[in-house]
N, C-alpha and C. Protein backbone atom coordinates (compact mmCIF):
# COMPACT_ATOMS: atom_id res chain seq x y z
N MET A 1 28.09 -15.13 -15.61
CA MET A 1 26.74 -15.32 -15.14
C MET A 1 26.70 -16.40 -14.07
N GLN A 2 25.96 -16.13 -13.03
CA GLN A 2 25.80 -17.11 -11.96
C GLN A 2 24.74 -18.13 -12.38
N PRO A 3 25.04 -19.42 -12.28
CA PRO A 3 24.02 -20.43 -12.59
C PRO A 3 22.82 -20.26 -11.67
N THR A 4 21.65 -20.57 -12.20
CA THR A 4 20.42 -20.38 -11.44
C THR A 4 19.52 -21.60 -11.60
N VAL A 5 19.02 -22.11 -10.49
CA VAL A 5 18.07 -23.22 -10.52
C VAL A 5 16.67 -22.62 -10.64
N VAL A 6 15.88 -23.18 -11.56
CA VAL A 6 14.50 -22.74 -11.74
C VAL A 6 13.58 -23.95 -11.62
N MET A 7 12.32 -23.68 -11.26
CA MET A 7 11.34 -24.76 -11.10
C MET A 7 10.00 -24.27 -11.64
N ASN A 8 9.26 -25.18 -12.30
CA ASN A 8 7.94 -24.78 -12.80
C ASN A 8 6.84 -25.29 -11.86
N HIS A 9 5.60 -25.01 -12.23
CA HIS A 9 4.47 -25.38 -11.36
C HIS A 9 4.26 -26.89 -11.26
N HIS A 10 4.92 -27.68 -12.12
CA HIS A 10 4.87 -29.14 -12.03
C HIS A 10 6.04 -29.68 -11.19
N ARG A 11 6.79 -28.76 -10.59
CA ARG A 11 7.97 -29.06 -9.77
C ARG A 11 9.10 -29.68 -10.59
N GLN A 12 9.11 -29.40 -11.89
CA GLN A 12 10.22 -29.82 -12.75
C GLN A 12 11.31 -28.78 -12.61
N THR A 13 12.54 -29.25 -12.44
CA THR A 13 13.64 -28.32 -12.24
C THR A 13 14.52 -28.23 -13.48
N ALA A 14 15.26 -27.14 -13.55
CA ALA A 14 16.22 -26.90 -14.61
C ALA A 14 17.29 -25.97 -14.05
N ILE A 15 18.45 -25.97 -14.71
CA ILE A 15 19.52 -25.06 -14.31
C ILE A 15 19.86 -24.18 -15.51
N ILE A 16 19.79 -22.88 -15.31
CA ILE A 16 20.27 -21.95 -16.32
C ILE A 16 21.77 -21.86 -16.11
N VAL A 17 22.54 -22.31 -17.13
CA VAL A 17 23.98 -22.48 -16.95
C VAL A 17 24.83 -21.41 -17.63
N ALA A 18 24.28 -20.69 -18.61
CA ALA A 18 25.06 -19.69 -19.33
C ALA A 18 24.14 -18.82 -20.16
N LYS A 19 24.72 -17.78 -20.72
CA LYS A 19 24.00 -16.89 -21.62
C LYS A 19 24.78 -16.81 -22.92
N SER A 20 24.06 -16.89 -24.04
CA SER A 20 24.68 -16.79 -25.35
C SER A 20 23.86 -15.82 -26.18
N GLY A 21 24.34 -14.60 -26.31
CA GLY A 21 23.56 -13.57 -26.98
C GLY A 21 22.32 -13.26 -26.17
N LYS A 22 21.15 -13.34 -26.82
CA LYS A 22 19.89 -13.08 -26.12
C LYS A 22 19.28 -14.34 -25.54
N LYS A 23 19.89 -15.47 -25.79
CA LYS A 23 19.36 -16.76 -25.32
C LYS A 23 20.08 -17.21 -24.06
N LEU A 24 19.36 -17.94 -23.23
CA LEU A 24 19.93 -18.55 -22.04
C LEU A 24 20.14 -20.03 -22.32
N GLN A 25 21.23 -20.57 -21.83
CA GLN A 25 21.53 -22.00 -21.97
C GLN A 25 20.97 -22.68 -20.73
N ILE A 26 20.10 -23.67 -20.95
CA ILE A 26 19.39 -24.29 -19.84
C ILE A 26 19.45 -25.81 -19.96
N ILE A 27 19.60 -26.47 -18.82
CA ILE A 27 19.57 -27.94 -18.75
C ILE A 27 18.35 -28.31 -17.94
N LYS A 28 17.39 -28.97 -18.58
CA LYS A 28 16.16 -29.38 -17.91
C LYS A 28 16.29 -30.82 -17.45
N LEU A 29 15.87 -31.06 -16.21
CA LEU A 29 15.86 -32.42 -15.69
C LEU A 29 14.61 -33.11 -16.21
N GLY A 30 14.81 -34.24 -16.89
CA GLY A 30 13.68 -34.98 -17.44
C GLY A 30 13.99 -36.45 -17.52
N LYS A 31 13.15 -37.20 -18.24
CA LYS A 31 13.31 -38.65 -18.33
C LYS A 31 14.47 -39.06 -19.23
N GLY A 32 14.75 -38.28 -20.25
CA GLY A 32 15.79 -38.64 -21.19
C GLY A 32 17.15 -38.08 -20.81
N ARG A 33 18.08 -38.25 -21.74
CA ARG A 33 19.44 -37.76 -21.56
C ARG A 33 19.42 -36.24 -21.38
N LEU A 34 20.22 -35.74 -20.45
CA LEU A 34 20.27 -34.31 -20.19
C LEU A 34 21.12 -33.61 -21.25
N THR A 35 20.55 -32.57 -21.83
CA THR A 35 21.24 -31.79 -22.85
C THR A 35 21.07 -30.30 -22.56
N VAL A 36 21.84 -29.49 -23.27
CA VAL A 36 21.75 -28.04 -23.13
C VAL A 36 20.83 -27.52 -24.24
N ALA A 37 19.84 -26.73 -23.86
CA ALA A 37 18.94 -26.10 -24.82
C ALA A 37 19.11 -24.59 -24.74
N SER A 38 18.84 -23.90 -25.82
CA SER A 38 18.89 -22.44 -25.86
C SER A 38 17.46 -21.90 -25.90
N LEU A 39 17.11 -21.12 -24.90
CA LEU A 39 15.78 -20.53 -24.81
C LEU A 39 15.90 -19.06 -24.40
N SER A 40 14.96 -18.25 -24.84
CA SER A 40 14.93 -16.87 -24.38
C SER A 40 14.32 -16.84 -22.98
N ALA A 41 14.54 -15.74 -22.28
CA ALA A 41 13.95 -15.59 -20.95
C ALA A 41 12.43 -15.67 -21.04
N THR A 42 11.86 -15.13 -22.10
CA THR A 42 10.41 -15.16 -22.31
C THR A 42 9.92 -16.60 -22.46
N GLU A 43 10.66 -17.41 -23.24
CA GLU A 43 10.28 -18.81 -23.42
C GLU A 43 10.32 -19.58 -22.10
N ILE A 44 11.35 -19.32 -21.31
CA ILE A 44 11.48 -19.98 -20.01
C ILE A 44 10.31 -19.58 -19.11
N GLU A 45 9.98 -18.31 -19.13
CA GLU A 45 8.87 -17.81 -18.31
C GLU A 45 7.53 -18.41 -18.78
N LYS A 46 7.34 -18.52 -20.10
CA LYS A 46 6.10 -19.10 -20.64
C LYS A 46 5.94 -20.56 -20.23
N GLN A 47 7.05 -21.26 -20.00
CA GLN A 47 7.00 -22.65 -19.57
C GLN A 47 6.76 -22.76 -18.07
N GLY A 48 6.58 -21.62 -17.42
CA GLY A 48 6.21 -21.61 -16.00
C GLY A 48 7.37 -21.68 -15.03
N TYR A 49 8.60 -21.52 -15.52
CA TYR A 49 9.76 -21.60 -14.62
C TYR A 49 9.93 -20.32 -13.83
N LYS A 50 10.22 -20.50 -12.55
CA LYS A 50 10.51 -19.39 -11.63
C LYS A 50 11.80 -19.73 -10.90
N VAL A 51 12.50 -18.71 -10.45
CA VAL A 51 13.76 -18.90 -9.73
C VAL A 51 13.50 -19.66 -8.43
N SER A 52 14.33 -20.66 -8.18
CA SER A 52 14.27 -21.45 -6.97
C SER A 52 15.47 -21.08 -6.09
N HIS A 53 15.36 -21.29 -4.83
CA HIS A 53 16.47 -21.00 -3.91
C HIS A 53 17.35 -22.23 -3.69
N TYR A 54 17.18 -23.24 -4.52
CA TYR A 54 17.99 -24.45 -4.42
C TYR A 54 19.42 -24.14 -4.87
N SER A 55 20.39 -24.69 -4.19
CA SER A 55 21.80 -24.44 -4.47
C SER A 55 22.21 -24.96 -5.86
N PRO A 56 22.77 -24.11 -6.73
CA PRO A 56 23.19 -24.55 -8.06
C PRO A 56 24.22 -25.68 -8.04
N ASP A 57 25.18 -25.62 -7.12
CA ASP A 57 26.20 -26.68 -7.09
C ASP A 57 25.61 -28.00 -6.61
N GLN A 58 24.67 -27.95 -5.69
CA GLN A 58 24.01 -29.17 -5.23
C GLN A 58 23.14 -29.76 -6.36
N ALA A 59 22.43 -28.91 -7.08
CA ALA A 59 21.61 -29.37 -8.21
C ALA A 59 22.49 -29.98 -9.29
N ALA A 60 23.62 -29.34 -9.59
CA ALA A 60 24.53 -29.84 -10.62
C ALA A 60 25.06 -31.22 -10.26
N ARG A 61 25.44 -31.42 -9.01
CA ARG A 61 25.92 -32.74 -8.57
C ARG A 61 24.83 -33.80 -8.75
N SER A 62 23.60 -33.45 -8.45
CA SER A 62 22.48 -34.37 -8.61
C SER A 62 22.24 -34.67 -10.09
N TYR A 63 22.29 -33.67 -10.94
CA TYR A 63 22.08 -33.85 -12.38
C TYR A 63 23.15 -34.76 -12.98
N LEU A 64 24.39 -34.66 -12.48
CA LEU A 64 25.48 -35.49 -13.00
C LEU A 64 25.22 -36.98 -12.76
N GLU A 65 24.37 -37.31 -11.79
CA GLU A 65 24.04 -38.70 -11.47
C GLU A 65 22.82 -39.20 -12.24
N HIS A 66 22.31 -38.41 -13.17
CA HIS A 66 21.08 -38.75 -13.90
C HIS A 66 21.20 -40.09 -14.61
N GLY A 67 20.26 -40.98 -14.37
CA GLY A 67 20.31 -42.34 -14.87
C GLY A 67 20.29 -42.48 -16.38
N ALA A 68 19.68 -41.54 -17.09
CA ALA A 68 19.59 -41.64 -18.55
C ALA A 68 20.80 -41.03 -19.25
N GLY A 69 21.72 -40.50 -18.48
CA GLY A 69 22.94 -39.96 -19.07
C GLY A 69 22.92 -38.44 -19.23
N VAL A 70 24.11 -37.92 -19.52
CA VAL A 70 24.30 -36.48 -19.66
C VAL A 70 25.19 -36.26 -20.88
N SER A 71 24.79 -35.34 -21.75
CA SER A 71 25.60 -35.05 -22.93
C SER A 71 26.93 -34.44 -22.52
N LYS A 72 27.92 -34.50 -23.40
CA LYS A 72 29.24 -33.94 -23.09
C LYS A 72 29.15 -32.46 -22.76
N ARG A 73 28.37 -31.72 -23.54
CA ARG A 73 28.23 -30.28 -23.32
C ARG A 73 27.57 -29.99 -21.98
N ALA A 74 26.51 -30.73 -21.65
CA ALA A 74 25.84 -30.54 -20.37
C ALA A 74 26.78 -30.93 -19.22
N ARG A 75 27.51 -32.04 -19.39
CA ARG A 75 28.44 -32.49 -18.36
C ARG A 75 29.49 -31.42 -18.06
N LYS A 76 30.01 -30.78 -19.10
CA LYS A 76 31.03 -29.73 -18.93
C LYS A 76 30.48 -28.61 -18.04
N HIS A 77 29.27 -28.14 -18.34
CA HIS A 77 28.66 -27.08 -17.53
C HIS A 77 28.42 -27.55 -16.10
N LEU A 78 27.86 -28.74 -15.95
CA LEU A 78 27.51 -29.25 -14.62
C LEU A 78 28.74 -29.49 -13.76
N GLU A 79 29.80 -30.01 -14.35
CA GLU A 79 31.03 -30.22 -13.58
C GLU A 79 31.63 -28.90 -13.12
N GLU A 80 31.59 -27.90 -13.97
CA GLU A 80 32.10 -26.57 -13.60
C GLU A 80 31.28 -26.00 -12.44
N ILE A 81 29.98 -26.09 -12.53
CA ILE A 81 29.11 -25.57 -11.46
C ILE A 81 29.33 -26.34 -10.16
N SER A 82 29.46 -27.65 -10.25
CA SER A 82 29.59 -28.47 -9.03
C SER A 82 30.90 -28.23 -8.29
N ARG A 83 31.90 -27.69 -8.99
CA ARG A 83 33.19 -27.40 -8.34
C ARG A 83 33.20 -26.08 -7.58
N HIS A 84 32.18 -25.28 -7.76
CA HIS A 84 32.15 -23.95 -7.14
C HIS A 84 30.96 -23.83 -6.21
N LYS A 85 31.10 -22.96 -5.26
CA LYS A 85 29.99 -22.64 -4.36
C LYS A 85 29.38 -21.33 -4.84
N PHE A 86 28.12 -21.39 -5.19
CA PHE A 86 27.42 -20.19 -5.63
C PHE A 86 26.38 -19.85 -4.58
N SER A 87 26.11 -18.58 -4.46
CA SER A 87 25.08 -18.13 -3.55
C SER A 87 23.72 -18.60 -4.07
N ASP A 88 22.80 -18.88 -3.16
CA ASP A 88 21.44 -19.22 -3.61
C ASP A 88 20.62 -17.96 -3.83
N THR A 89 21.25 -16.80 -3.64
CA THR A 89 20.61 -15.52 -3.88
C THR A 89 21.42 -14.74 -4.89
N LEU A 90 20.77 -14.29 -5.94
CA LEU A 90 21.45 -13.52 -6.97
C LEU A 90 21.71 -12.11 -6.45
N ILE A 91 22.96 -11.67 -6.50
CA ILE A 91 23.34 -10.35 -6.03
C ILE A 91 23.85 -9.56 -7.21
N LEU A 92 23.19 -8.44 -7.50
CA LEU A 92 23.60 -7.57 -8.59
C LEU A 92 24.41 -6.42 -8.02
N THR A 93 25.60 -6.20 -8.58
CA THR A 93 26.44 -5.09 -8.10
C THR A 93 26.66 -4.07 -9.17
């Protein structure tokens, strides 16, 4: 799965980093320590998140600098994303 940056109507950003069964693994940028949460696509949509055209690797590098810290699990995903160049457009083949 290609990581995807999403943003809600409050301009809060998050990165969808993986899929586990029917749930998506998401890291939301907030005031506290960054962690990975499991949410369904419906839950993400209900929270007002929409796909952003922001570069996933650029967002991941920024998240790694988060002042309140990053959990080990979130850091693993973010470091992997930051090492790769992903398209800002999802292409289905």
